[in-house]
mmCIF file of all heavy atoms, coordinates in Angstrom:
data_MODEL
# 
_entry.id   MODEL 
# 
loop_
_atom_site.group_PDB 
_atom_site.id 
_atom_site.type_symbol 
_atom_site.label_atom_id 
_atom_site.label_alt_id 
_atom_site.label_comp_id 
_atom_site.label_asym_id 
_atom_site.label_entity_id 
_atom_site.label_seq_id 
_atom_site.pdbx_PDB_ins_code 
_atom_site.Cartn_x 
_atom_site.Cartn_y 
_atom_site.Cartn_z 
_atom_site.occupancy 
_atom_site.B_iso_or_equiv 
_atom_site.pdbx_formal_charge 
_atom_site.auth_seq_id 
_atom_site.auth_comp_id 
_atom_site.auth_asym_id 
_atom_site.auth_atom_id 
_atom_site.pdbx_PDB_model_num 
ATOM 1   N N   . ASN A 1 1  ? -3.895 -1.004  84.415 1.00 0.00 ? 1  ASN A N   1 
ATOM 2   C CA  . ASN A 1 1  ? -2.973 -2.112  84.139 1.00 0.00 ? 1  ASN A CA  1 
ATOM 3   C C   . ASN A 1 1  ? -2.127 -1.889  82.893 1.00 0.00 ? 1  ASN A C   1 
ATOM 4   O O   . ASN A 1 1  ? -1.486 -2.808  82.411 1.00 0.00 ? 1  ASN A O   1 
ATOM 5   C CB  . ASN A 1 1  ? -3.713 -3.454  84.026 1.00 0.00 ? 1  ASN A CB  1 
ATOM 6   C CG  . ASN A 1 1  ? -4.327 -3.873  85.333 1.00 0.00 ? 1  ASN A CG  1 
ATOM 7   O OD1 . ASN A 1 1  ? -3.694 -3.772  86.383 1.00 0.00 ? 1  ASN A OD1 1 
ATOM 8   N ND2 . ASN A 1 1  ? -5.562 -4.334  85.292 1.00 0.00 ? 1  ASN A ND2 1 
ATOM 9   N N   . SER A 1 2  ? -2.095 -0.694  82.373 1.00 0.00 ? 2  SER A N   1 
ATOM 10  C CA  . SER A 1 2  ? -1.345 -0.394  81.152 1.00 0.00 ? 2  SER A CA  1 
ATOM 11  C C   . SER A 1 2  ? 0.142  -0.189  81.443 1.00 0.00 ? 2  SER A C   1 
ATOM 12  O O   . SER A 1 2  ? 0.524  0.314   82.502 1.00 0.00 ? 2  SER A O   1 
ATOM 13  C CB  . SER A 1 2  ? -1.906 0.864   80.490 1.00 0.00 ? 2  SER A CB  1 
ATOM 14  O OG  . SER A 1 2  ? -1.092 1.245   79.392 1.00 0.00 ? 2  SER A OG  1 
ATOM 15  N N   . LEU A 1 3  ? 0.966  -0.569  80.463 1.00 0.00 ? 3  LEU A N   1 
ATOM 16  C CA  . LEU A 1 3  ? 2.413  -0.372  80.529 1.00 0.00 ? 3  LEU A CA  1 
ATOM 17  C C   . LEU A 1 3  ? 2.888  0.709   79.562 1.00 0.00 ? 3  LEU A C   1 
ATOM 18  O O   . LEU A 1 3  ? 4.089  0.911   79.388 1.00 0.00 ? 3  LEU A O   1 
ATOM 19  C CB  . LEU A 1 3  ? 3.130  -1.684  80.199 1.00 0.00 ? 3  LEU A CB  1 
ATOM 20  C CG  . LEU A 1 3  ? 2.809  -2.876  81.093 1.00 0.00 ? 3  LEU A CG  1 
ATOM 21  C CD1 . LEU A 1 3  ? 3.426  -4.142  80.547 1.00 0.00 ? 3  LEU A CD1 1 
ATOM 22  C CD2 . LEU A 1 3  ? 3.255  -2.615  82.512 1.00 0.00 ? 3  LEU A CD2 1 
ATOM 23  N N   . ASN A 1 4  ? 1.951  1.399   78.927 1.00 0.00 ? 4  ASN A N   1 
ATOM 24  C CA  . ASN A 1 4  ? 2.320  2.400   77.914 1.00 0.00 ? 4  ASN A CA  1 
ATOM 25  C C   . ASN A 1 4  ? 3.278  3.453   78.450 1.00 0.00 ? 4  ASN A C   1 
ATOM 26  O O   . ASN A 1 4  ? 4.178  3.892   77.741 1.00 0.00 ? 4  ASN A O   1 
ATOM 27  C CB  . ASN A 1 4  ? 1.072  3.073   77.337 1.00 0.00 ? 4  ASN A CB  1 
ATOM 28  C CG  . ASN A 1 4  ? 0.289  2.142   76.451 1.00 0.00 ? 4  ASN A CG  1 
ATOM 29  O OD1 . ASN A 1 4  ? 0.834  1.174   75.922 1.00 0.00 ? 4  ASN A OD1 1 
ATOM 30  N ND2 . ASN A 1 4  ? -0.988 2.400   76.301 1.00 0.00 ? 4  ASN A ND2 1 
ATOM 31  N N   . TRP A 1 5  ? 3.102  3.883   79.696 1.00 0.00 ? 5  TRP A N   1 
ATOM 32  C CA  . TRP A 1 5  ? 3.974  4.894   80.302 1.00 0.00 ? 5  TRP A CA  1 
ATOM 33  C C   . TRP A 1 5  ? 5.433  4.456   80.266 1.00 0.00 ? 5  TRP A C   1 
ATOM 34  O O   . TRP A 1 5  ? 6.328  5.272   80.116 1.00 0.00 ? 5  TRP A O   1 
ATOM 35  C CB  . TRP A 1 5  ? 3.552  5.166   81.750 1.00 0.00 ? 5  TRP A CB  1 
ATOM 36  C CG  . TRP A 1 5  ? 3.648  3.937   82.606 1.00 0.00 ? 5  TRP A CG  1 
ATOM 37  C CD1 . TRP A 1 5  ? 2.680  2.988   82.785 1.00 0.00 ? 5  TRP A CD1 1 
ATOM 38  C CD2 . TRP A 1 5  ? 4.774  3.487   83.333 1.00 0.00 ? 5  TRP A CD2 1 
ATOM 39  N NE1 . TRP A 1 5  ? 3.150  1.978   83.594 1.00 0.00 ? 5  TRP A NE1 1 
ATOM 40  C CE2 . TRP A 1 5  ? 4.428  2.261   83.955 1.00 0.00 ? 5  TRP A CE2 1 
ATOM 41  C CE3 . TRP A 1 5  ? 6.058  3.990   83.545 1.00 0.00 ? 5  TRP A CE3 1 
ATOM 42  C CZ2 . TRP A 1 5  ? 5.309  1.537   84.756 1.00 0.00 ? 5  TRP A CZ2 1 
ATOM 43  C CZ3 . TRP A 1 5  ? 6.933  3.277   84.351 1.00 0.00 ? 5  TRP A CZ3 1 
ATOM 44  C CH2 . TRP A 1 5  ? 6.552  2.071   84.945 1.00 0.00 ? 5  TRP A CH2 1 
ATOM 45  N N   . LEU A 1 6  ? 5.663  3.148   80.386 1.00 0.00 ? 6  LEU A N   1 
ATOM 46  C CA  . LEU A 1 6  ? 7.022  2.612   80.404 1.00 0.00 ? 6  LEU A CA  1 
ATOM 47  C C   . LEU A 1 6  ? 7.690  2.761   79.042 1.00 0.00 ? 6  LEU A C   1 
ATOM 48  O O   . LEU A 1 6  ? 8.854  3.152   78.943 1.00 0.00 ? 6  LEU A O   1 
ATOM 49  C CB  . LEU A 1 6  ? 6.997  1.141   80.822 1.00 0.00 ? 6  LEU A CB  1 
ATOM 50  C CG  . LEU A 1 6  ? 8.301  0.382   80.768 1.00 0.00 ? 6  LEU A CG  1 
ATOM 51  C CD1 . LEU A 1 6  ? 9.329  1.006   81.696 1.00 0.00 ? 6  LEU A CD1 1 
ATOM 52  C CD2 . LEU A 1 6  ? 8.064  -1.076  81.127 1.00 0.00 ? 6  LEU A CD2 1 
ATOM 53  N N   . PHE A 1 7  ? 6.954  2.465   77.983 1.00 0.00 ? 7  PHE A N   1 
ATOM 54  C CA  . PHE A 1 7  ? 7.530  2.481   76.647 1.00 0.00 ? 7  PHE A CA  1 
ATOM 55  C C   . PHE A 1 7  ? 7.655  3.885   76.069 1.00 0.00 ? 7  PHE A C   1 
ATOM 56  O O   . PHE A 1 7  ? 8.232  4.070   75.012 1.00 0.00 ? 7  PHE A O   1 
ATOM 57  C CB  . PHE A 1 7  ? 6.741  1.553   75.730 1.00 0.00 ? 7  PHE A CB  1 
ATOM 58  C CG  . PHE A 1 7  ? 6.782  0.135   76.228 1.00 0.00 ? 7  PHE A CG  1 
ATOM 59  C CD1 . PHE A 1 7  ? 5.672  -0.428  76.826 1.00 0.00 ? 7  PHE A CD1 1 
ATOM 60  C CD2 . PHE A 1 7  ? 7.940  -0.603  76.155 1.00 0.00 ? 7  PHE A CD2 1 
ATOM 61  C CE1 . PHE A 1 7  ? 5.720  -1.732  77.326 1.00 0.00 ? 7  PHE A CE1 1 
ATOM 62  C CE2 . PHE A 1 7  ? 8.009  -1.898  76.645 1.00 0.00 ? 7  PHE A CE2 1 
ATOM 63  C CZ  . PHE A 1 7  ? 6.888  -2.456  77.234 1.00 0.00 ? 7  PHE A CZ  1 
ATOM 64  N N   . GLU A 1 8  ? 7.123  4.859   76.796 1.00 0.00 ? 8  GLU A N   1 
ATOM 65  C CA  . GLU A 1 8  ? 7.259  6.254   76.380 1.00 0.00 ? 8  GLU A CA  1 
ATOM 66  C C   . GLU A 1 8  ? 8.468  6.920   77.033 1.00 0.00 ? 8  GLU A C   1 
ATOM 67  O O   . GLU A 1 8  ? 8.697  8.106   76.851 1.00 0.00 ? 8  GLU A O   1 
ATOM 68  C CB  . GLU A 1 8  ? 5.978  7.024   76.751 1.00 0.00 ? 8  GLU A CB  1 
ATOM 69  C CG  . GLU A 1 8  ? 4.765  6.530   75.985 1.00 0.00 ? 8  GLU A CG  1 
ATOM 70  C CD  . GLU A 1 8  ? 3.445  7.049   76.544 1.00 0.00 ? 8  GLU A CD  1 
ATOM 71  O OE1 . GLU A 1 8  ? 3.455  7.718   77.608 1.00 0.00 ? 8  GLU A OE1 1 
ATOM 72  O OE2 . GLU A 1 8  ? 2.418  6.779   75.917 1.00 0.00 ? 8  GLU A OE2 1 
ATOM 73  N N   . THR A 1 9  ? 9.254  6.153   77.799 1.00 0.00 ? 9  THR A N   1 
ATOM 74  C CA  . THR A 1 9  ? 10.425 6.681   78.501 1.00 0.00 ? 9  THR A CA  1 
ATOM 75  C C   . THR A 1 9  ? 11.682 6.333   77.715 1.00 0.00 ? 9  THR A C   1 
ATOM 76  O O   . THR A 1 9  ? 11.869 5.195   77.304 1.00 0.00 ? 9  THR A O   1 
ATOM 77  C CB  . THR A 1 9  ? 10.506 6.090   79.927 1.00 0.00 ? 9  THR A CB  1 
ATOM 78  O OG1 . THR A 1 9  ? 9.267  6.322   80.594 1.00 0.00 ? 9  THR A OG1 1 
ATOM 79  C CG2 . THR A 1 9  ? 11.618 6.750   80.717 1.00 0.00 ? 9  THR A CG2 1 
ATOM 80  N N   . ASP A 1 10 ? 12.547 7.303   77.524 1.00 0.00 ? 10 ASP A N   1 
ATOM 81  C CA  . ASP A 1 10 ? 13.750 7.147   76.703 1.00 0.00 ? 10 ASP A CA  1 
ATOM 82  C C   . ASP A 1 10 ? 14.812 6.297   77.406 1.00 0.00 ? 10 ASP A C   1 
ATOM 83  O O   . ASP A 1 10 ? 15.232 6.615   78.517 1.00 0.00 ? 10 ASP A O   1 
ATOM 84  C CB  . ASP A 1 10 ? 14.326 8.529   76.391 1.00 0.00 ? 10 ASP A CB  1 
ATOM 85  C CG  . ASP A 1 10 ? 15.560 8.467   75.513 1.00 0.00 ? 10 ASP A CG  1 
ATOM 86  O OD1 . ASP A 1 10 ? 15.762 7.446   74.818 1.00 0.00 ? 10 ASP A OD1 1 
ATOM 87  O OD2 . ASP A 1 10 ? 16.319 9.447   75.517 1.00 0.00 ? 10 ASP A OD2 1 
ATOM 88  N N   . THR A 1 11 ? 15.231 5.210   76.755 1.00 0.00 ? 11 THR A N   1 
ATOM 89  C CA  . THR A 1 11 ? 16.311 4.370   77.281 1.00 0.00 ? 11 THR A CA  1 
ATOM 90  C C   . THR A 1 11 ? 17.665 4.788   76.733 1.00 0.00 ? 11 THR A C   1 
ATOM 91  O O   . THR A 1 11 ? 18.679 4.185   77.081 1.00 0.00 ? 11 THR A O   1 
ATOM 92  C CB  . THR A 1 11 ? 16.096 2.880   76.915 1.00 0.00 ? 11 THR A CB  1 
ATOM 93  O OG1 . THR A 1 11 ? 16.197 2.742   75.492 1.00 0.00 ? 11 THR A OG1 1 
ATOM 94  C CG2 . THR A 1 11 ? 14.773 2.362   77.427 1.00 0.00 ? 11 THR A CG2 1 
ATOM 95  N N   . GLY A 1 12 ? 17.680 5.775   75.858 1.00 0.00 ? 12 GLY A N   1 
ATOM 96  C CA  . GLY A 1 12 ? 18.929 6.176   75.232 1.00 0.00 ? 12 GLY A CA  1 
ATOM 97  C C   . GLY A 1 12 ? 19.441 5.113   74.268 1.00 0.00 ? 12 GLY A C   1 
ATOM 98  O O   . GLY A 1 12 ? 20.619 5.074   73.943 1.00 0.00 ? 12 GLY A O   1 
ATOM 99  N N   . GLY A 1 13 ? 18.544 4.234   73.826 1.00 0.00 ? 13 GLY A N   1 
ATOM 100 C CA  . GLY A 1 13 ? 18.921 3.164   72.909 1.00 0.00 ? 13 GLY A CA  1 
ATOM 101 C C   . GLY A 1 13 ? 19.626 1.999   73.574 1.00 0.00 ? 13 GLY A C   1 
ATOM 102 O O   . GLY A 1 13 ? 20.109 1.093   72.907 1.00 0.00 ? 13 GLY A O   1 
ATOM 103 N N   . GLU A 1 14 ? 19.704 2.021   74.898 1.00 0.00 ? 14 GLU A N   1 
ATOM 104 C CA  . GLU A 1 14 ? 20.397 0.957   75.622 1.00 0.00 ? 14 GLU A CA  1 
ATOM 105 C C   . GLU A 1 14 ? 19.451 0.295   76.615 1.00 0.00 ? 14 GLU A C   1 
ATOM 106 O O   . GLU A 1 14 ? 18.542 0.929   77.128 1.00 0.00 ? 14 GLU A O   1 
ATOM 107 C CB  . GLU A 1 14 ? 21.568 1.530   76.425 1.00 0.00 ? 14 GLU A CB  1 
ATOM 108 C CG  . GLU A 1 14 ? 22.617 2.224   75.608 1.00 0.00 ? 14 GLU A CG  1 
ATOM 109 C CD  . GLU A 1 14 ? 23.674 2.847   76.499 1.00 0.00 ? 14 GLU A CD  1 
ATOM 110 O OE1 . GLU A 1 14 ? 24.075 2.199   77.483 1.00 0.00 ? 14 GLU A OE1 1 
ATOM 111 O OE2 . GLU A 1 14 ? 24.059 3.983   76.225 1.00 0.00 ? 14 GLU A OE2 1 
ATOM 112 N N   . THR A 1 15 ? 19.678 -0.979  76.872 1.00 0.00 ? 15 THR A N   1 
ATOM 113 C CA  . THR A 1 15 ? 19.017 -1.688  77.971 1.00 0.00 ? 15 THR A CA  1 
ATOM 114 C C   . THR A 1 15 ? 19.915 -2.860  78.361 1.00 0.00 ? 15 THR A C   1 
ATOM 115 O O   . THR A 1 15 ? 20.875 -3.175  77.662 1.00 0.00 ? 15 THR A O   1 
ATOM 116 C CB  . THR A 1 15 ? 17.626 -2.256  77.601 1.00 0.00 ? 15 THR A CB  1 
ATOM 117 O OG1 . THR A 1 15 ? 17.781 -3.403  76.773 1.00 0.00 ? 15 THR A OG1 1 
ATOM 118 C CG2 . THR A 1 15 ? 16.756 -1.236  76.909 1.00 0.00 ? 15 THR A CG2 1 
ATOM 119 N N   . THR A 1 16 ? 19.573 -3.509  79.445 1.00 0.00 ? 16 THR A N   1 
ATOM 120 C CA  . THR A 1 16 ? 20.258 -4.738  79.841 1.00 0.00 ? 16 THR A CA  1 
ATOM 121 C C   . THR A 1 16 ? 19.426 -5.964  79.463 1.00 0.00 ? 16 THR A C   1 
ATOM 122 O O   . THR A 1 16 ? 19.824 -7.087  79.731 1.00 0.00 ? 16 THR A O   1 
ATOM 123 C CB  . THR A 1 16 ? 20.511 -4.753  81.355 1.00 0.00 ? 16 THR A CB  1 
ATOM 124 O OG1 . THR A 1 16 ? 19.257 -4.626  82.046 1.00 0.00 ? 16 THR A OG1 1 
ATOM 125 C CG2 . THR A 1 16 ? 21.442 -3.626  81.768 1.00 0.00 ? 16 THR A CG2 1 
ATOM 126 N N   . TYR A 1 17 ? 18.285 -5.728  78.829 1.00 0.00 ? 17 TYR A N   1 
ATOM 127 C CA  . TYR A 1 17 ? 17.350 -6.808  78.530 1.00 0.00 ? 17 TYR A CA  1 
ATOM 128 C C   . TYR A 1 17 ? 17.962 -7.897  77.652 1.00 0.00 ? 17 TYR A C   1 
ATOM 129 O O   . TYR A 1 17 ? 17.804 -9.090  77.941 1.00 0.00 ? 17 TYR A O   1 
ATOM 130 C CB  . TYR A 1 17 ? 16.077 -6.257  77.877 1.00 0.00 ? 17 TYR A CB  1 
ATOM 131 C CG  . TYR A 1 17 ? 15.091 -7.332  77.512 1.00 0.00 ? 17 TYR A CG  1 
ATOM 132 C CD1 . TYR A 1 17 ? 14.267 -7.896  78.483 1.00 0.00 ? 17 TYR A CD1 1 
ATOM 133 C CD2 . TYR A 1 17 ? 14.990 -7.799  76.209 1.00 0.00 ? 17 TYR A CD2 1 
ATOM 134 C CE1 . TYR A 1 17 ? 13.370 -8.899  78.171 1.00 0.00 ? 17 TYR A CE1 1 
ATOM 135 C CE2 . TYR A 1 17 ? 14.091 -8.798  75.878 1.00 0.00 ? 17 TYR A CE2 1 
ATOM 136 C CZ  . TYR A 1 17 ? 13.283 -9.344  76.858 1.00 0.00 ? 17 TYR A CZ  1 
ATOM 137 O OH  . TYR A 1 17 ? 12.404 -10.342 76.541 1.00 0.00 ? 17 TYR A OH  1 
ATOM 138 N N   . GLU A 1 18 ? 18.624 -7.533  76.589 1.00 0.00 ? 18 GLU A N   1 
ATOM 139 C CA  . GLU A 1 18 ? 19.157 -8.532  75.643 1.00 0.00 ? 18 GLU A CA  1 
ATOM 140 C C   . GLU A 1 18 ? 20.127 -9.488  76.322 1.00 0.00 ? 18 GLU A C   1 
ATOM 141 O O   . GLU A 1 18 ? 20.091 -10.695 76.082 1.00 0.00 ? 18 GLU A O   1 
ATOM 142 C CB  . GLU A 1 18 ? 19.811 -7.854  74.439 1.00 0.00 ? 18 GLU A CB  1 
ATOM 143 C CG  . GLU A 1 18 ? 18.823 -7.154  73.523 1.00 0.00 ? 18 GLU A CG  1 
ATOM 144 C CD  . GLU A 1 18 ? 17.722 -8.074  72.998 1.00 0.00 ? 18 GLU A CD  1 
ATOM 145 O OE1 . GLU A 1 18 ? 17.985 -9.256  72.716 1.00 0.00 ? 18 GLU A OE1 1 
ATOM 146 O OE2 . GLU A 1 18 ? 16.581 -7.593  72.882 1.00 0.00 ? 18 GLU A OE2 1 
ATOM 147 N N   . SER A 1 19 ? 21.009 -8.980  77.159 1.00 0.00 ? 19 SER A N   1 
ATOM 148 C CA  . SER A 1 19 ? 21.934 -9.875  77.853 1.00 0.00 ? 19 SER A CA  1 
ATOM 149 C C   . SER A 1 19 ? 21.207 -10.691 78.924 1.00 0.00 ? 19 SER A C   1 
ATOM 150 O O   . SER A 1 19 ? 21.536 -11.852 79.149 1.00 0.00 ? 19 SER A O   1 
ATOM 151 C CB  . SER A 1 19 ? 23.110 -9.107  78.448 1.00 0.00 ? 19 SER A CB  1 
ATOM 152 O OG  . SER A 1 19 ? 22.667 -8.175  79.390 1.00 0.00 ? 19 SER A OG  1 
ATOM 153 N N   . PHE A 1 20 ? 20.211 -10.085 79.581 1.00 0.00 ? 20 PHE A N   1 
ATOM 154 C CA  . PHE A 1 20 ? 19.449 -10.791 80.606 1.00 0.00 ? 20 PHE A CA  1 
ATOM 155 C C   . PHE A 1 20 ? 18.667 -11.959 80.014 1.00 0.00 ? 20 PHE A C   1 
ATOM 156 O O   . PHE A 1 20 ? 18.748 -13.089 80.496 1.00 0.00 ? 20 PHE A O   1 
ATOM 157 C CB  . PHE A 1 20 ? 18.490 -9.823  81.317 1.00 0.00 ? 20 PHE A CB  1 
ATOM 158 C CG  . PHE A 1 20 ? 17.526 -10.517 82.233 1.00 0.00 ? 20 PHE A CG  1 
ATOM 159 C CD1 . PHE A 1 20 ? 17.932 -10.932 83.497 1.00 0.00 ? 20 PHE A CD1 1 
ATOM 160 C CD2 . PHE A 1 20 ? 16.229 -10.774 81.839 1.00 0.00 ? 20 PHE A CD2 1 
ATOM 161 C CE1 . PHE A 1 20 ? 17.046 -11.598 84.339 1.00 0.00 ? 20 PHE A CE1 1 
ATOM 162 C CE2 . PHE A 1 20 ? 15.336 -11.432 82.665 1.00 0.00 ? 20 PHE A CE2 1 
ATOM 163 C CZ  . PHE A 1 20 ? 15.754 -11.844 83.926 1.00 0.00 ? 20 PHE A CZ  1 
ATOM 164 N N   . ILE A 1 21 ? 17.909 -11.721 78.957 1.00 0.00 ? 21 ILE A N   1 
ATOM 165 C CA  . ILE A 1 21 ? 16.984 -12.730 78.417 1.00 0.00 ? 21 ILE A CA  1 
ATOM 166 C C   . ILE A 1 21 ? 17.725 -13.954 77.868 1.00 0.00 ? 21 ILE A C   1 
ATOM 167 O O   . ILE A 1 21 ? 17.172 -15.047 77.827 1.00 0.00 ? 21 ILE A O   1 
ATOM 168 C CB  . ILE A 1 21 ? 16.033 -12.111 77.360 1.00 0.00 ? 21 ILE A CB  1 
ATOM 169 C CG1 . ILE A 1 21 ? 14.824 -13.023 77.092 1.00 0.00 ? 21 ILE A CG1 1 
ATOM 170 C CG2 . ILE A 1 21 ? 16.759 -11.790 76.075 1.00 0.00 ? 21 ILE A CG2 1 
ATOM 171 C CD1 . ILE A 1 21 ? 13.874 -13.182 78.246 1.00 0.00 ? 21 ILE A CD1 1 
ATOM 172 N N   . GLN A 1 22 ? 18.977 -13.800 77.502 1.00 0.00 ? 22 GLN A N   1 
ATOM 173 C CA  . GLN A 1 22 ? 19.758 -14.937 77.016 1.00 0.00 ? 22 GLN A CA  1 
ATOM 174 C C   . GLN A 1 22 ? 19.977 -15.989 78.097 1.00 0.00 ? 22 GLN A C   1 
ATOM 175 O O   . GLN A 1 22 ? 20.273 -17.139 77.784 1.00 0.00 ? 22 GLN A O   1 
ATOM 176 C CB  . GLN A 1 22 ? 21.110 -14.464 76.477 1.00 0.00 ? 22 GLN A CB  1 
ATOM 177 C CG  . GLN A 1 22 ? 20.996 -13.650 75.217 1.00 0.00 ? 22 GLN A CG  1 
ATOM 178 C CD  . GLN A 1 22 ? 22.343 -13.118 74.766 1.00 0.00 ? 22 GLN A CD  1 
ATOM 179 O OE1 . GLN A 1 22 ? 23.399 -13.548 75.214 1.00 0.00 ? 22 GLN A OE1 1 
ATOM 180 N NE2 . GLN A 1 22 ? 22.308 -12.166 73.856 1.00 0.00 ? 22 GLN A NE2 1 
ATOM 181 N N   . ASN A 1 23 ? 19.844 -15.593 79.359 1.00 0.00 ? 23 ASN A N   1 
ATOM 182 C CA  . ASN A 1 23 ? 20.048 -16.514 80.476 1.00 0.00 ? 23 ASN A CA  1 
ATOM 183 C C   . ASN A 1 23 ? 18.740 -17.063 81.041 1.00 0.00 ? 23 ASN A C   1 
ATOM 184 O O   . ASN A 1 23 ? 18.742 -17.710 82.084 1.00 0.00 ? 23 ASN A O   1 
ATOM 185 C CB  . ASN A 1 23 ? 20.815 -15.803 81.593 1.00 0.00 ? 23 ASN A CB  1 
ATOM 186 C CG  . ASN A 1 23 ? 22.189 -15.388 81.139 1.00 0.00 ? 23 ASN A CG  1 
ATOM 187 O OD1 . ASN A 1 23 ? 22.960 -16.213 80.671 1.00 0.00 ? 23 ASN A OD1 1 
ATOM 188 N ND2 . ASN A 1 23 ? 22.489 -14.111 81.254 1.00 0.00 ? 23 ASN A ND2 1 
ATOM 189 N N   . VAL A 1 24 ? 17.621 -16.797 80.361 1.00 0.00 ? 24 VAL A N   1 
ATOM 190 C CA  . VAL A 1 24 ? 16.290 -17.195 80.832 1.00 0.00 ? 24 VAL A CA  1 
ATOM 191 C C   . VAL A 1 24 ? 15.697 -18.220 79.888 1.00 0.00 ? 24 VAL A C   1 
ATOM 192 O O   . VAL A 1 24 ? 15.726 -18.037 78.673 1.00 0.00 ? 24 VAL A O   1 
ATOM 193 C CB  . VAL A 1 24 ? 15.352 -15.957 80.891 1.00 0.00 ? 24 VAL A CB  1 
ATOM 194 C CG1 . VAL A 1 24 ? 13.924 -16.358 81.215 1.00 0.00 ? 24 VAL A CG1 1 
ATOM 195 C CG2 . VAL A 1 24 ? 15.878 -14.939 81.882 1.00 0.00 ? 24 VAL A CG2 1 
ATOM 196 N N   . ASP A 1 25 ? 15.156 -19.308 80.448 1.00 0.00 ? 25 ASP A N   1 
ATOM 197 C CA  . ASP A 1 25 ? 14.406 -20.229 79.592 1.00 0.00 ? 25 ASP A CA  1 
ATOM 198 C C   . ASP A 1 25 ? 12.973 -20.444 80.066 1.00 0.00 ? 25 ASP A C   1 
ATOM 199 O O   . ASP A 1 25 ? 12.190 -21.101 79.389 1.00 0.00 ? 25 ASP A O   1 
ATOM 200 C CB  . ASP A 1 25 ? 15.132 -21.562 79.401 1.00 0.00 ? 25 ASP A CB  1 
ATOM 201 C CG  . ASP A 1 25 ? 15.279 -22.367 80.669 1.00 0.00 ? 25 ASP A CG  1 
ATOM 202 O OD1 . ASP A 1 25 ? 14.800 -21.946 81.733 1.00 0.00 ? 25 ASP A OD1 1 
ATOM 203 O OD2 . ASP A 1 25 ? 15.890 -23.454 80.599 1.00 0.00 ? 25 ASP A OD2 1 
ATOM 204 N N   . THR A 1 26 ? 12.609 -19.854 81.215 1.00 0.00 ? 26 THR A N   1 
ATOM 205 C CA  . THR A 1 26 ? 11.239 -19.970 81.723 1.00 0.00 ? 26 THR A CA  1 
ATOM 206 C C   . THR A 1 26 ? 10.773 -18.598 82.194 1.00 0.00 ? 26 THR A C   1 
ATOM 207 O O   . THR A 1 26 ? 11.450 -17.951 82.992 1.00 0.00 ? 26 THR A O   1 
ATOM 208 C CB  . THR A 1 26 ? 11.172 -20.968 82.903 1.00 0.00 ? 26 THR A CB  1 
ATOM 209 O OG1 . THR A 1 26 ? 11.748 -22.207 82.492 1.00 0.00 ? 26 THR A OG1 1 
ATOM 210 C CG2 . THR A 1 26 ? 9.743  -21.192 83.350 1.00 0.00 ? 26 THR A CG2 1 
ATOM 211 N N   . VAL A 1 27 ? 9.617  -18.176 81.686 1.00 0.00 ? 27 VAL A N   1 
ATOM 212 C CA  . VAL A 1 27 ? 9.027  -16.882 82.031 1.00 0.00 ? 27 VAL A CA  1 
ATOM 213 C C   . VAL A 1 27 ? 7.716  -17.148 82.755 1.00 0.00 ? 27 VAL A C   1 
ATOM 214 O O   . VAL A 1 27 ? 6.871  -17.884 82.262 1.00 0.00 ? 27 VAL A O   1 
ATOM 215 C CB  . VAL A 1 27 ? 8.773  -16.036 80.766 1.00 0.00 ? 27 VAL A CB  1 
ATOM 216 C CG1 . VAL A 1 27 ? 8.098  -14.718 81.122 1.00 0.00 ? 27 VAL A CG1 1 
ATOM 217 C CG2 . VAL A 1 27 ? 10.062 -15.801 80.000 1.00 0.00 ? 27 VAL A CG2 1 
# 
């Protein structure tokens, strides 16, 4: 159930997360 493999992958310093999360109020 670990997510460590995900955080070891290079995003090149970019993601779409910041713009996505601004439109979310319930997780």
